[in-house]
Amino acid sequence: MKIAAASLLVFSGLTTACVNSSTLQTAKAMDPGSQRFLVGGGYYTSPQINADASAAAGSDTKLALPYAEVGYRRGIIDHLELGAKATIPGTVGLDGKYQFLDIGDFALATGVGVGYLQISSGTEGMETKSTIVDTTVPLYASYDIAKPFAVYTAPKYVLRYASSTNAMDETKTGLDHMVGGTVGTRLGSRWGLFIETSYLRSVTNDFSSFQVNSSIFF
């Protein structure tokens, strides 16, 4: 029973605390009219949630939440690219990227993204609805080591808005500021594979999260 309770705690904590922070792109914007599909997945973990799960189970517990992810990206005009993604268990996101530097194989870009998650927890009649909205401002940097091989990083600032409404219509809201980034590699050119890791940490509390994911693109 303790292990089941810990697993439920971890699942609830990870889904309510983590909006997908994958990058799955280099700093170079796609040409106007070009498009890309992405299919993959990964997992989240958090030291804070692992500590809570260990306390609930009465023993050392380290669990992570796997997820599946699909995405779509398209070049709009020169140096401007837009994208969308969705995951199971249920986050969605939109982002735009503007490439402002192109020096041969090295590129820099910036942009903005918005991620959204809403879930319900608790028993029927006693449900709590939670909503999280992340606004992310990244700085992309990438280097093409070869045409089919690139490395990239993306430091990020995240403004997180969270609200929770219980069965008595009592609502709590809050803002959090998070910093972190992504490091990854792209294998392939017109089609291939992204592999990356991401880390985020709150600057106002002890929460942090670690994410690993990969995606086929074509």
N, C-alpha and C. Protein backbone atom coordinates (compact mmCIF):
# COMPACT_ATOMS: atom_id res chain seq x y z
N MET A 1 0.83 -1.20 0.00
CA MET A 1 0.00 0.00 0.00
C MET A 1 0.86 1.25 0.00
N LYS A 2 1.97 1.23 0.76
CA LYS A 2 2.84 2.39 0.79
C LYS A 2 3.45 2.64 -0.57
N ILE A 3 3.87 1.57 -1.26
CA ILE A 3 4.46 1.73 -2.59
C ILE A 3 3.44 2.28 -3.57
N ALA A 4 2.20 1.78 -3.50
CA ALA A 4 1.14 2.28 -4.39
C ALA A 4 0.88 3.75 -4.13
N ALA A 5 0.85 4.12 -2.86
CA ALA A 5 0.62 5.53 -2.52
C ALA A 5 1.76 6.39 -3.03
N ALA A 6 2.99 5.90 -2.91
CA ALA A 6 4.14 6.66 -3.40
C ALA A 6 4.09 6.83 -4.91
N SER A 7 3.72 5.76 -5.62
CA SER A 7 3.63 5.85 -7.08
C SER A 7 2.57 6.87 -7.50
N LEU A 8 1.43 6.87 -6.80
CA LEU A 8 0.38 7.84 -7.10
C LEU A 8 0.86 9.25 -6.83
N LEU A 9 1.60 9.42 -5.74
CA LEU A 9 2.13 10.73 -5.39
C LEU A 9 3.09 11.23 -6.47
N VAL A 10 3.99 10.35 -6.92
CA VAL A 10 4.95 10.73 -7.94
C VAL A 10 4.24 11.10 -9.24
N PHE A 11 3.26 10.28 -9.65
CA PHE A 11 2.54 10.56 -10.89
C PHE A 11 1.84 11.91 -10.80
N SER A 12 1.15 12.15 -9.68
CA SER A 12 0.45 13.42 -9.50
C SER A 12 1.43 14.59 -9.47
N GLY A 13 2.52 14.41 -8.74
CA GLY A 13 3.48 15.50 -8.62
C GLY A 13 4.14 15.84 -9.93
N LEU A 14 4.53 14.83 -10.70
CA LEU A 14 5.21 15.09 -11.95
C LEU A 14 4.29 15.72 -12.98
N THR A 15 3.05 15.27 -13.07
CA THR A 15 2.16 15.84 -14.06
C THR A 15 1.76 17.26 -13.69
N THR A 16 1.59 17.55 -12.41
CA THR A 16 1.21 18.90 -12.05
C THR A 16 2.41 19.83 -12.00
N ALA A 17 3.61 19.31 -11.78
CA ALA A 17 4.77 20.18 -11.62
C ALA A 17 5.54 20.39 -12.91
N CYS A 18 5.36 19.56 -13.92
CA CYS A 18 6.21 19.62 -15.10
C CYS A 18 5.42 19.83 -16.37
N VAL A 19 5.64 20.98 -16.99
CA VAL A 19 5.20 21.19 -18.35
C VAL A 19 6.39 20.88 -19.23
N ASN A 20 6.18 20.17 -20.33
CA ASN A 20 7.26 19.67 -21.16
C ASN A 20 8.25 20.78 -21.55
N SER A 21 9.54 20.58 -21.27
CA SER A 21 10.55 21.59 -21.55
C SER A 21 11.52 21.16 -22.66
N SER A 22 11.10 20.23 -23.52
CA SER A 22 11.97 19.79 -24.61
C SER A 22 12.23 20.93 -25.59
N THR A 23 13.37 20.84 -26.30
CA THR A 23 13.76 21.85 -27.29
C THR A 23 13.62 21.29 -28.70
N LEU A 24 14.35 20.22 -29.01
CA LEU A 24 14.24 19.49 -30.27
C LEU A 24 14.40 20.39 -31.50
N GLN A 25 15.41 21.25 -31.45
CA GLN A 25 15.73 22.12 -32.57
C GLN A 25 17.08 22.77 -32.34
N THR A 26 17.75 23.12 -33.42
CA THR A 26 18.97 23.89 -33.34
C THR A 26 18.63 25.37 -33.46
N ALA A 27 19.65 26.22 -33.46
CA ALA A 27 19.41 27.65 -33.60
C ALA A 27 19.06 28.05 -35.02
N LYS A 28 19.35 27.22 -36.00
CA LYS A 28 19.10 27.58 -37.39
C LYS A 28 17.62 27.41 -37.74
N ALA A 29 17.04 28.48 -38.26
CA ALA A 29 15.63 28.43 -38.66
C ALA A 29 15.50 27.73 -40.01
N MET A 30 14.41 27.00 -40.18
CA MET A 30 14.16 26.34 -41.45
C MET A 30 13.80 27.35 -42.52
N ASP A 31 14.05 27.00 -43.77
CA ASP A 31 13.70 27.88 -44.88
C ASP A 31 12.18 28.07 -44.96
N PRO A 32 11.71 29.21 -45.47
CA PRO A 32 10.26 29.43 -45.61
C PRO A 32 9.60 28.30 -46.40
N GLY A 33 8.52 27.77 -45.84
CA GLY A 33 7.79 26.68 -46.49
C GLY A 33 8.27 25.30 -46.12
N SER A 34 9.46 25.18 -45.54
CA SER A 34 9.95 23.87 -45.11
C SER A 34 9.21 23.44 -43.84
N GLN A 35 9.06 22.13 -43.67
CA GLN A 35 8.35 21.63 -42.50
C GLN A 35 9.03 20.40 -41.94
N ARG A 36 8.71 20.11 -40.68
CA ARG A 36 9.33 18.97 -40.01
C ARG A 36 8.33 18.37 -39.02
N PHE A 37 8.24 17.05 -39.02
CA PHE A 37 7.43 16.32 -38.05
C PHE A 37 8.37 15.64 -37.06
N LEU A 38 7.92 15.55 -35.80
CA LEU A 38 8.73 14.93 -34.75
C LEU A 38 7.88 13.92 -33.98
N VAL A 39 8.45 12.76 -33.71
CA VAL A 39 7.78 11.72 -32.93
C VAL A 39 8.80 11.11 -31.98
N GLY A 40 8.51 11.16 -30.69
CA GLY A 40 9.46 10.61 -29.72
C GLY A 40 8.90 10.57 -28.33
N GLY A 41 9.77 10.76 -27.35
CA GLY A 41 9.34 10.72 -25.96
C GLY A 41 10.54 10.74 -25.03
N GLY A 42 10.26 10.59 -23.74
CA GLY A 42 11.32 10.62 -22.75
C GLY A 42 10.75 10.43 -21.36
N TYR A 43 11.41 11.03 -20.36
CA TYR A 43 10.90 10.93 -19.00
C TYR A 43 11.30 12.16 -18.19
N TYR A 44 10.49 12.45 -17.15
CA TYR A 44 10.77 13.47 -16.15
C TYR A 44 11.20 12.80 -14.85
N THR A 45 12.02 13.52 -14.09
CA THR A 45 12.25 13.14 -12.71
C THR A 45 12.53 14.42 -11.93
N SER A 46 12.38 14.35 -10.62
CA SER A 46 12.58 15.52 -9.76
C SER A 46 13.07 15.06 -8.39
N PRO A 47 14.17 15.60 -7.90
CA PRO A 47 14.65 15.24 -6.55
C PRO A 47 13.61 15.51 -5.47
N GLN A 48 12.87 16.61 -5.59
CA GLN A 48 11.87 16.94 -4.59
C GLN A 48 10.75 15.92 -4.57
N ILE A 49 10.27 15.53 -5.75
CA ILE A 49 9.19 14.55 -5.82
C ILE A 49 9.67 13.17 -5.37
N ASN A 50 10.92 12.82 -5.69
CA ASN A 50 11.47 11.56 -5.20
C ASN A 50 11.54 11.54 -3.68
N ALA A 51 11.90 12.69 -3.08
CA ALA A 51 11.95 12.77 -1.61
C ALA A 51 10.56 12.60 -1.01
N ASP A 52 9.54 13.23 -1.63
CA ASP A 52 8.17 13.08 -1.14
C ASP A 52 7.69 11.63 -1.28
N ALA A 53 8.05 10.99 -2.40
CA ALA A 53 7.65 9.60 -2.62
C ALA A 53 8.34 8.68 -1.63
N SER A 54 9.61 8.96 -1.33
CA SER A 54 10.34 8.14 -0.36
C SER A 54 9.71 8.25 1.02
N ALA A 55 9.28 9.46 1.39
CA ALA A 55 8.63 9.65 2.68
C ALA A 55 7.30 8.90 2.73
N ALA A 56 6.55 8.90 1.62
CA ALA A 56 5.27 8.20 1.60
C ALA A 56 5.44 6.69 1.64
N ALA A 57 6.52 6.19 0.97
CA ALA A 57 6.74 4.74 0.91
C ALA A 57 7.48 4.22 2.13
N GLY A 58 8.16 5.09 2.86
CA GLY A 58 8.94 4.66 4.00
C GLY A 58 10.26 4.04 3.62
N SER A 59 10.69 4.22 2.35
CA SER A 59 11.97 3.70 1.88
C SER A 59 12.43 4.55 0.71
N ASP A 60 13.68 4.40 0.34
CA ASP A 60 14.24 5.19 -0.76
C ASP A 60 13.52 4.85 -2.06
N THR A 61 12.89 5.86 -2.68
CA THR A 61 12.11 5.66 -3.90
C THR A 61 12.55 6.66 -4.95
N LYS A 62 12.96 6.16 -6.11
CA LYS A 62 13.34 7.02 -7.22
C LYS A 62 12.55 6.59 -8.44
N LEU A 63 11.56 7.39 -8.77
CA LEU A 63 10.68 7.08 -9.89
C LEU A 63 10.65 8.25 -10.86
N ALA A 64 10.29 7.98 -12.10
CA ALA A 64 10.19 9.01 -13.13
C ALA A 64 8.94 8.76 -13.97
N LEU A 65 8.47 9.82 -14.59
CA LEU A 65 7.26 9.74 -15.41
C LEU A 65 7.62 9.71 -16.89
N PRO A 66 7.37 8.61 -17.58
CA PRO A 66 7.61 8.58 -19.03
C PRO A 66 6.51 9.33 -19.77
N TYR A 67 6.83 9.79 -20.94
CA TYR A 67 5.82 10.47 -21.76
C TYR A 67 6.13 10.24 -23.24
N ALA A 68 5.11 10.36 -24.07
CA ALA A 68 5.26 10.34 -25.53
C ALA A 68 5.04 11.75 -26.05
N GLU A 69 5.68 12.07 -27.16
CA GLU A 69 5.62 13.44 -27.66
C GLU A 69 5.54 13.45 -29.19
N VAL A 70 4.71 14.34 -29.73
CA VAL A 70 4.66 14.60 -31.17
C VAL A 70 4.80 16.10 -31.38
N GLY A 71 5.38 16.49 -32.52
CA GLY A 71 5.57 17.91 -32.78
C GLY A 71 5.56 18.21 -34.26
N TYR A 72 5.42 19.49 -34.57
CA TYR A 72 5.43 19.96 -35.96
C TYR A 72 6.09 21.33 -35.99
N ARG A 73 6.98 21.55 -36.96
CA ARG A 73 7.65 22.84 -37.12
C ARG A 73 7.62 23.26 -38.59
N ARG A 74 7.61 24.59 -38.80
CA ARG A 74 7.53 25.10 -40.18
C ARG A 74 8.25 26.45 -40.28
N GLY A 75 9.02 26.61 -41.36
CA GLY A 75 9.62 27.90 -41.65
C GLY A 75 8.58 28.83 -42.22
N ILE A 76 8.48 30.05 -41.68
CA ILE A 76 7.43 30.99 -42.10
C ILE A 76 7.97 32.02 -43.09
N ILE A 77 8.94 32.81 -42.66
CA ILE A 77 9.66 33.73 -43.52
C ILE A 77 11.15 33.56 -43.20
N ASP A 78 12.00 34.30 -43.88
CA ASP A 78 13.43 34.18 -43.61
C ASP A 78 13.72 34.38 -42.12
N HIS A 79 14.42 33.43 -41.52
CA HIS A 79 14.89 33.49 -40.13
C HIS A 79 13.79 33.30 -39.09
N LEU A 80 12.56 33.03 -39.51
CA LEU A 80 11.45 32.86 -38.56
C LEU A 80 10.83 31.48 -38.71
N GLU A 81 10.71 30.78 -37.57
CA GLU A 81 10.18 29.41 -37.55
C GLU A 81 9.17 29.29 -36.42
N LEU A 82 8.07 28.58 -36.67
CA LEU A 82 7.05 28.34 -35.65
C LEU A 82 6.90 26.84 -35.42
N GLY A 83 6.48 26.48 -34.20
CA GLY A 83 6.32 25.06 -33.90
C GLY A 83 5.22 24.81 -32.88
N ALA A 84 4.77 23.56 -32.85
CA ALA A 84 3.76 23.12 -31.88
C ALA A 84 4.11 21.71 -31.45
N LYS A 85 3.73 21.35 -30.20
CA LYS A 85 3.99 20.00 -29.72
C LYS A 85 2.94 19.61 -28.70
N ALA A 86 2.78 18.32 -28.52
CA ALA A 86 1.84 17.78 -27.53
C ALA A 86 2.42 16.50 -26.96
N THR A 87 2.12 16.24 -25.69
CA THR A 87 2.60 15.03 -25.05
C THR A 87 1.45 14.28 -24.39
N ILE A 88 1.68 13.01 -24.19
CA ILE A 88 0.84 12.19 -23.31
C ILE A 88 1.68 11.95 -22.07
N PRO A 89 1.29 12.51 -20.90
CA PRO A 89 -0.07 12.63 -20.39
C PRO A 89 -0.82 13.93 -20.61
N GLY A 90 -0.40 14.89 -21.41
CA GLY A 90 -1.34 15.95 -21.69
C GLY A 90 -0.86 17.38 -21.73
N THR A 91 0.41 17.66 -21.97
CA THR A 91 0.82 19.04 -22.13
C THR A 91 0.79 19.42 -23.60
N VAL A 92 0.53 20.69 -23.88
CA VAL A 92 0.59 21.21 -25.23
C VAL A 92 1.45 22.47 -25.21
N GLY A 93 2.06 22.80 -26.34
CA GLY A 93 2.91 23.97 -26.39
C GLY A 93 3.02 24.55 -27.78
N LEU A 94 3.25 25.87 -27.83
CA LEU A 94 3.50 26.59 -29.07
C LEU A 94 4.75 27.44 -28.87
N ASP A 95 5.54 27.61 -29.94
CA ASP A 95 6.71 28.46 -29.81
C ASP A 95 7.08 29.08 -31.15
N GLY A 96 7.80 30.20 -31.07
CA GLY A 96 8.35 30.84 -32.25
C GLY A 96 9.83 31.11 -32.04
N LYS A 97 10.61 31.02 -33.10
CA LYS A 97 12.06 31.21 -33.03
C LYS A 97 12.51 32.15 -34.13
N TYR A 98 13.36 33.13 -33.77
CA TYR A 98 13.94 34.05 -34.75
C TYR A 98 15.45 33.91 -34.71
N GLN A 99 16.04 33.55 -35.84
CA GLN A 99 17.49 33.41 -35.93
C GLN A 99 18.10 34.77 -36.27
N PHE A 100 18.96 35.29 -35.38
CA PHE A 100 19.52 36.61 -35.59
C PHE A 100 21.00 36.59 -35.92
N LEU A 101 21.62 35.40 -35.91
CA LEU A 101 23.04 35.31 -36.25
C LEU A 101 23.31 34.02 -37.00
N ASP A 102 24.04 34.14 -38.12
CA ASP A 102 24.42 32.98 -38.92
C ASP A 102 25.83 33.20 -39.42
N ILE A 103 26.79 32.56 -38.76
CA ILE A 103 28.20 32.68 -39.15
C ILE A 103 28.67 31.29 -39.57
N GLY A 104 28.42 30.95 -40.81
CA GLY A 104 28.81 29.63 -41.30
C GLY A 104 28.08 28.53 -40.58
N ASP A 105 28.82 27.73 -39.81
CA ASP A 105 28.23 26.60 -39.11
C ASP A 105 27.68 26.97 -37.74
N PHE A 106 27.93 28.21 -37.28
CA PHE A 106 27.49 28.64 -35.97
C PHE A 106 26.29 29.57 -36.11
N ALA A 107 25.28 29.38 -35.22
CA ALA A 107 24.06 30.19 -35.29
C ALA A 107 23.54 30.49 -33.89
N LEU A 108 22.88 31.64 -33.77
CA LEU A 108 22.19 32.04 -32.55
C LEU A 108 20.77 32.44 -32.89
N ALA A 109 19.85 32.17 -31.96
CA ALA A 109 18.45 32.53 -32.16
C ALA A 109 17.80 32.74 -30.80
N THR A 110 16.69 33.41 -30.80
CA THR A 110 15.90 33.55 -29.59
C THR A 110 14.43 33.40 -29.96
N GLY A 111 13.55 33.50 -28.98
CA GLY A 111 12.14 33.33 -29.26
C GLY A 111 11.33 33.33 -27.99
N VAL A 112 10.13 32.77 -28.08
CA VAL A 112 9.26 32.65 -26.92
C VAL A 112 8.36 31.44 -27.12
N GLY A 113 8.04 30.76 -26.04
CA GLY A 113 7.15 29.61 -26.11
C GLY A 113 6.16 29.61 -24.96
N VAL A 114 5.03 28.98 -25.16
CA VAL A 114 4.00 28.86 -24.13
C VAL A 114 3.60 27.40 -24.02
N GLY A 115 3.64 26.86 -22.80
CA GLY A 115 3.21 25.49 -22.54
C GLY A 115 2.03 25.47 -21.58
N TYR A 116 1.15 24.49 -21.75
CA TYR A 116 -0.10 24.46 -20.97
C TYR A 116 -0.38 23.04 -20.51
N LEU A 117 -0.83 22.92 -19.26
CA LEU A 117 -1.24 21.63 -18.70
C LEU A 117 -2.41 21.84 -17.76
N GLN A 118 -3.45 21.01 -17.89
CA GLN A 118 -4.57 21.04 -16.95
C GLN A 118 -4.95 19.60 -16.62
N ILE A 119 -5.07 19.30 -15.32
CA ILE A 119 -5.47 17.96 -14.89
C ILE A 119 -6.42 18.07 -13.71
N SER A 120 -7.11 16.97 -13.44
CA SER A 120 -7.98 16.86 -12.27
C SER A 120 -7.48 15.71 -11.40
N SER A 121 -7.57 15.88 -10.10
CA SER A 121 -7.14 14.83 -9.18
C SER A 121 -8.15 14.73 -8.05
N GLY A 122 -8.13 13.60 -7.35
CA GLY A 122 -9.08 13.38 -6.26
C GLY A 122 -10.24 12.52 -6.70
N THR A 123 -11.10 12.17 -5.75
CA THR A 123 -12.25 11.32 -6.03
C THR A 123 -13.41 12.14 -6.55
N GLU A 124 -14.40 11.46 -7.14
CA GLU A 124 -15.57 12.14 -7.68
C GLU A 124 -16.29 12.93 -6.59
N GLY A 125 -16.58 14.17 -6.90
CA GLY A 125 -17.23 15.05 -5.93
C GLY A 125 -16.24 15.81 -5.06
N MET A 126 -14.97 15.36 -5.07
CA MET A 126 -13.93 16.03 -4.28
C MET A 126 -12.72 16.34 -5.16
N GLU A 127 -12.98 16.61 -6.43
CA GLU A 127 -11.90 16.82 -7.38
C GLU A 127 -11.26 18.20 -7.23
N THR A 128 -9.99 18.23 -7.50
CA THR A 128 -9.23 19.47 -7.56
C THR A 128 -8.71 19.63 -8.99
N LYS A 129 -8.98 20.78 -9.59
CA LYS A 129 -8.51 21.05 -10.94
C LYS A 129 -7.29 21.97 -10.87
N SER A 130 -6.22 21.53 -11.51
CA SER A 130 -4.98 22.29 -11.50
C SER A 130 -4.59 22.69 -12.92
N THR A 131 -4.12 23.92 -13.07
CA THR A 131 -3.69 24.45 -14.36
C THR A 131 -2.31 25.06 -14.22
N ILE A 132 -1.43 24.76 -15.16
CA ILE A 132 -0.10 25.35 -15.21
C ILE A 132 0.12 25.93 -16.60
N VAL A 133 0.63 27.16 -16.64
CA VAL A 133 1.00 27.81 -17.90
C VAL A 133 2.44 28.28 -17.76
N ASP A 134 3.30 27.80 -18.63
CA ASP A 134 4.71 28.20 -18.66
C ASP A 134 4.96 29.12 -19.84
N THR A 135 5.56 30.27 -19.60
CA THR A 135 6.05 31.13 -20.67
C THR A 135 7.57 31.06 -20.65
N THR A 136 8.15 30.61 -21.75
CA THR A 136 9.58 30.33 -21.82
C THR A 136 10.28 31.26 -22.80
N VAL A 137 11.39 31.84 -22.35
CA VAL A 137 12.23 32.67 -23.23
C VAL A 137 13.60 31.99 -23.33
N PRO A 138 13.91 31.37 -24.47
CA PRO A 138 15.19 30.68 -24.63
C PRO A 138 16.19 31.50 -25.46
N LEU A 139 17.46 31.12 -25.35
CA LEU A 139 18.51 31.59 -26.26
C LEU A 139 19.13 30.34 -26.86
N TYR A 140 18.95 30.16 -28.18
CA TYR A 140 19.46 28.98 -28.85
C TYR A 140 20.85 29.24 -29.42
N ALA A 141 21.74 28.29 -29.24
CA ALA A 141 23.06 28.33 -29.87
C ALA A 141 23.37 26.94 -30.42
N SER A 142 23.88 26.89 -31.65
CA SER A 142 24.18 25.58 -32.24
C SER A 142 25.37 25.68 -33.18
N TYR A 143 25.99 24.53 -33.38
CA TYR A 143 27.15 24.46 -34.28
C TYR A 143 27.04 23.17 -35.09
N ASP A 144 27.12 23.32 -36.42
CA ASP A 144 27.07 22.17 -37.31
C ASP A 144 28.47 21.60 -37.47
N ILE A 145 28.76 20.52 -36.79
CA ILE A 145 30.06 19.87 -36.91
C ILE A 145 30.22 19.28 -38.30
N ALA A 146 29.14 18.74 -38.84
CA ALA A 146 29.06 18.24 -40.21
C ALA A 146 27.61 18.42 -40.65
N LYS A 147 27.34 18.25 -41.93
CA LYS A 147 25.96 18.46 -42.40
C LYS A 147 24.95 17.59 -41.66
N PRO A 148 25.27 16.32 -41.39
CA PRO A 148 24.30 15.49 -40.65
C PRO A 148 24.52 15.43 -39.14
N PHE A 149 25.34 16.34 -38.59
CA PHE A 149 25.66 16.25 -37.17
C PHE A 149 25.83 17.65 -36.59
N ALA A 150 24.97 18.01 -35.62
CA ALA A 150 25.03 19.31 -34.98
C ALA A 150 24.87 19.15 -33.47
N VAL A 151 25.46 20.07 -32.73
CA VAL A 151 25.26 20.13 -31.29
C VAL A 151 24.59 21.47 -30.97
N TYR A 152 23.80 21.49 -29.90
CA TYR A 152 23.09 22.72 -29.57
C TYR A 152 22.85 22.83 -28.07
N THR A 153 22.63 24.05 -27.63
CA THR A 153 22.26 24.32 -26.25
C THR A 153 21.22 25.43 -26.25
N ALA A 154 20.43 25.48 -25.18
CA ALA A 154 19.37 26.48 -25.10
C ALA A 154 19.13 26.87 -23.64
N PRO A 155 19.87 27.83 -23.10
CA PRO A 155 19.54 28.37 -21.78
C PRO A 155 18.13 28.97 -21.81
N LYS A 156 17.39 28.82 -20.69
CA LYS A 156 15.99 29.24 -20.68
C LYS A 156 15.61 29.92 -19.37
N TYR A 157 14.72 30.91 -19.51
CA TYR A 157 14.02 31.48 -18.36
C TYR A 157 12.55 31.11 -18.52
N VAL A 158 11.94 30.64 -17.44
CA VAL A 158 10.55 30.21 -17.47
C VAL A 158 9.76 30.95 -16.40
N LEU A 159 8.68 31.61 -16.81
CA LEU A 159 7.72 32.20 -15.88
C LEU A 159 6.54 31.25 -15.79
N ARG A 160 6.32 30.69 -14.61
CA ARG A 160 5.27 29.68 -14.43
C ARG A 160 4.10 30.25 -13.63
N TYR A 161 2.91 30.13 -14.21
CA TYR A 161 1.67 30.48 -13.52
C TYR A 161 0.93 29.20 -13.18
N ALA A 162 0.51 29.05 -11.94
CA ALA A 162 -0.20 27.85 -11.51
C ALA A 162 -1.45 28.25 -10.74
N SER A 163 -2.53 27.53 -10.98
CA SER A 163 -3.76 27.74 -10.22
C SER A 163 -4.37 26.39 -9.88
N SER A 164 -5.08 26.34 -8.75
CA SER A 164 -5.72 25.11 -8.30
C SER A 164 -7.07 25.46 -7.70
N THR A 165 -8.12 24.77 -8.15
CA THR A 165 -9.47 25.02 -7.67
C THR A 165 -10.03 23.72 -7.09
N ASN A 166 -10.46 23.76 -5.83
CA ASN A 166 -10.97 22.54 -5.21
C ASN A 166 -12.49 22.43 -5.40
N ALA A 167 -13.07 21.39 -4.80
CA ALA A 167 -14.50 21.11 -4.98
C ALA A 167 -15.39 22.19 -4.40
N MET A 168 -14.88 23.03 -3.51
CA MET A 168 -15.66 24.11 -2.93
C MET A 168 -15.42 25.43 -3.65
N ASP A 169 -14.84 25.33 -4.86
CA ASP A 169 -14.56 26.50 -5.70
C ASP A 169 -13.58 27.47 -5.05
N GLU A 170 -12.75 26.97 -4.16
CA GLU A 170 -11.69 27.79 -3.59
C GLU A 170 -10.46 27.70 -4.50
N THR A 171 -9.95 28.84 -4.92
CA THR A 171 -8.87 28.88 -5.89
C THR A 171 -7.61 29.48 -5.29
N LYS A 172 -6.50 28.82 -5.55
CA LYS A 172 -5.20 29.33 -5.17
C LYS A 172 -4.37 29.52 -6.43
N THR A 173 -3.65 30.64 -6.52
CA THR A 173 -2.81 30.92 -7.67
C THR A 173 -1.41 31.32 -7.21
N GLY A 174 -0.47 31.21 -8.11
CA GLY A 174 0.89 31.60 -7.77
C GLY A 174 1.76 31.71 -9.00
N LEU A 175 2.88 32.44 -8.87
CA LEU A 175 3.87 32.59 -9.93
C LEU A 175 5.20 32.02 -9.45
N ASP A 176 5.94 31.45 -10.37
CA ASP A 176 7.26 30.94 -10.04
C ASP A 176 8.21 31.33 -11.18
N HIS A 177 9.46 31.58 -10.80
CA HIS A 177 10.50 31.91 -11.78
C HIS A 177 11.49 30.76 -11.81
N MET A 178 11.77 30.26 -13.02
CA MET A 178 12.67 29.12 -13.16
C MET A 178 13.74 29.41 -14.20
N VAL A 179 14.90 28.83 -14.00
CA VAL A 179 16.00 28.96 -14.96
C VAL A 179 16.58 27.57 -15.20
N GLY A 180 17.21 27.42 -16.35
CA GLY A 180 17.80 26.13 -16.70
C GLY A 180 18.20 26.12 -18.15
N GLY A 181 18.13 24.96 -18.76
CA GLY A 181 18.50 24.88 -20.15
C GLY A 181 18.49 23.46 -20.68
N THR A 182 18.80 23.35 -21.97
CA THR A 182 18.84 22.09 -22.69
C THR A 182 20.18 21.95 -23.41
N VAL A 183 20.71 20.75 -23.42
CA VAL A 183 21.89 20.42 -24.22
C VAL A 183 21.53 19.21 -25.07
N GLY A 184 21.82 19.28 -26.37
CA GLY A 184 21.43 18.16 -27.22
C GLY A 184 22.25 18.06 -28.49
N THR A 185 21.91 17.05 -29.27
CA THR A 185 22.57 16.81 -30.54
C THR A 185 21.54 16.40 -31.59
N ARG A 186 21.82 16.79 -32.82
CA ARG A 186 20.98 16.37 -33.95
C ARG A 186 21.79 15.46 -34.85
N LEU A 187 21.27 14.27 -35.11
CA LEU A 187 21.90 13.31 -36.00
C LEU A 187 21.03 13.17 -37.24
N GLY A 188 21.55 13.58 -38.38
CA GLY A 188 20.76 13.55 -39.60
C GLY A 188 20.54 14.95 -40.13
N SER A 189 20.04 15.02 -41.35
CA SER A 189 19.80 16.32 -41.98
C SER A 189 18.33 16.49 -42.33
N ARG A 190 17.87 15.88 -43.39
CA ARG A 190 16.45 15.98 -43.77
C ARG A 190 15.59 15.09 -42.89
N TRP A 191 16.17 14.02 -42.38
CA TRP A 191 15.51 13.17 -41.39
C TRP A 191 16.59 12.63 -40.47
N GLY A 192 16.19 12.26 -39.25
CA GLY A 192 17.18 11.79 -38.30
C GLY A 192 16.66 11.75 -36.88
N LEU A 193 17.54 12.11 -35.93
CA LEU A 193 17.22 11.92 -34.53
C LEU A 193 17.76 13.08 -33.70
N PHE A 194 16.93 13.59 -32.79
CA PHE A 194 17.35 14.52 -31.75
C PHE A 194 17.50 13.75 -30.44
N ILE A 195 18.58 14.02 -29.69
CA ILE A 195 18.78 13.46 -28.36
C ILE A 195 19.19 14.61 -27.45
N GLU A 196 18.53 14.76 -26.30
CA GLU A 196 18.83 15.91 -25.45
C GLU A 196 18.46 15.66 -23.98
N THR A 197 19.01 16.51 -23.13
CA THR A 197 18.64 16.54 -21.71
C THR A 197 18.32 17.98 -21.33
N SER A 198 17.37 18.16 -20.40
CA SER A 198 16.98 19.49 -19.94
C SER A 198 16.94 19.51 -18.42
N TYR A 199 17.24 20.68 -17.87
CA TYR A 199 17.21 20.87 -16.42
C TYR A 199 16.59 22.22 -16.12
N LEU A 200 15.67 22.26 -15.16
CA LEU A 200 15.06 23.50 -14.70
C LEU A 200 15.09 23.55 -13.18
N ARG A 201 15.32 24.75 -12.66
CA ARG A 201 15.33 24.94 -11.21
C ARG A 201 14.64 26.24 -10.86
N SER A 202 13.77 26.17 -9.85
CA SER A 202 13.10 27.37 -9.38
C SER A 202 14.07 28.27 -8.64
N VAL A 203 13.91 29.59 -8.82
CA VAL A 203 14.74 30.54 -8.06
C VAL A 203 14.01 31.02 -6.81
N THR A 204 12.78 30.56 -6.60
CA THR A 204 11.99 31.00 -5.45
C THR A 204 11.69 29.88 -4.46
N ASN A 205 11.94 28.60 -4.83
CA ASN A 205 11.74 27.48 -3.91
C ASN A 205 12.71 26.36 -4.26
N ASP A 206 12.53 25.20 -3.66
CA ASP A 206 13.49 24.10 -3.82
C ASP A 206 13.19 23.20 -5.01
N PHE A 207 12.16 23.49 -5.80
CA PHE A 207 11.79 22.57 -6.87
C PHE A 207 12.81 22.59 -8.01
N SER A 208 13.15 21.41 -8.52
CA SER A 208 13.96 21.28 -9.73
C SER A 208 13.48 20.05 -10.49
N SER A 209 13.74 20.01 -11.77
CA SER A 209 13.32 18.88 -12.59
C SER A 209 14.39 18.57 -13.63
N PHE A 210 14.44 17.30 -14.00
CA PHE A 210 15.40 16.80 -14.99
C PHE A 210 14.62 16.03 -16.03
N GLN A 211 14.90 16.29 -17.29
CA GLN A 211 14.15 15.67 -18.38
C GLN A 211 15.12 15.13 -19.43
N VAL A 212 14.88 13.91 -19.88
CA VAL A 212 15.65 13.29 -20.96
C VAL A 212 14.69 12.91 -22.06
N ASN A 213 15.01 13.25 -23.29
CA ASN A 213 14.12 12.84 -24.36
C ASN A 213 14.85 12.74 -25.70
N SER A 214 14.23 12.03 -26.61
CA SER A 214 14.74 11.90 -27.96
C SER A 214 13.55 11.88 -28.91
N SER A 215 13.81 12.22 -30.16
CA SER A 215 12.72 12.29 -31.12
C SER A 215 13.25 12.03 -32.53
N ILE A 216 12.52 11.22 -33.26
CA ILE A 216 12.78 11.06 -34.70
C ILE A 216 12.17 12.25 -35.42
N PHE A 217 12.88 12.81 -36.39
CA PHE A 217 12.31 13.90 -37.20
C PHE A 217 12.37 13.53 -38.66
N PHE A 218 11.40 14.03 -39.41
CA PHE A 218 11.33 13.76 -40.85
C PHE A 218 10.51 14.83 -41.55
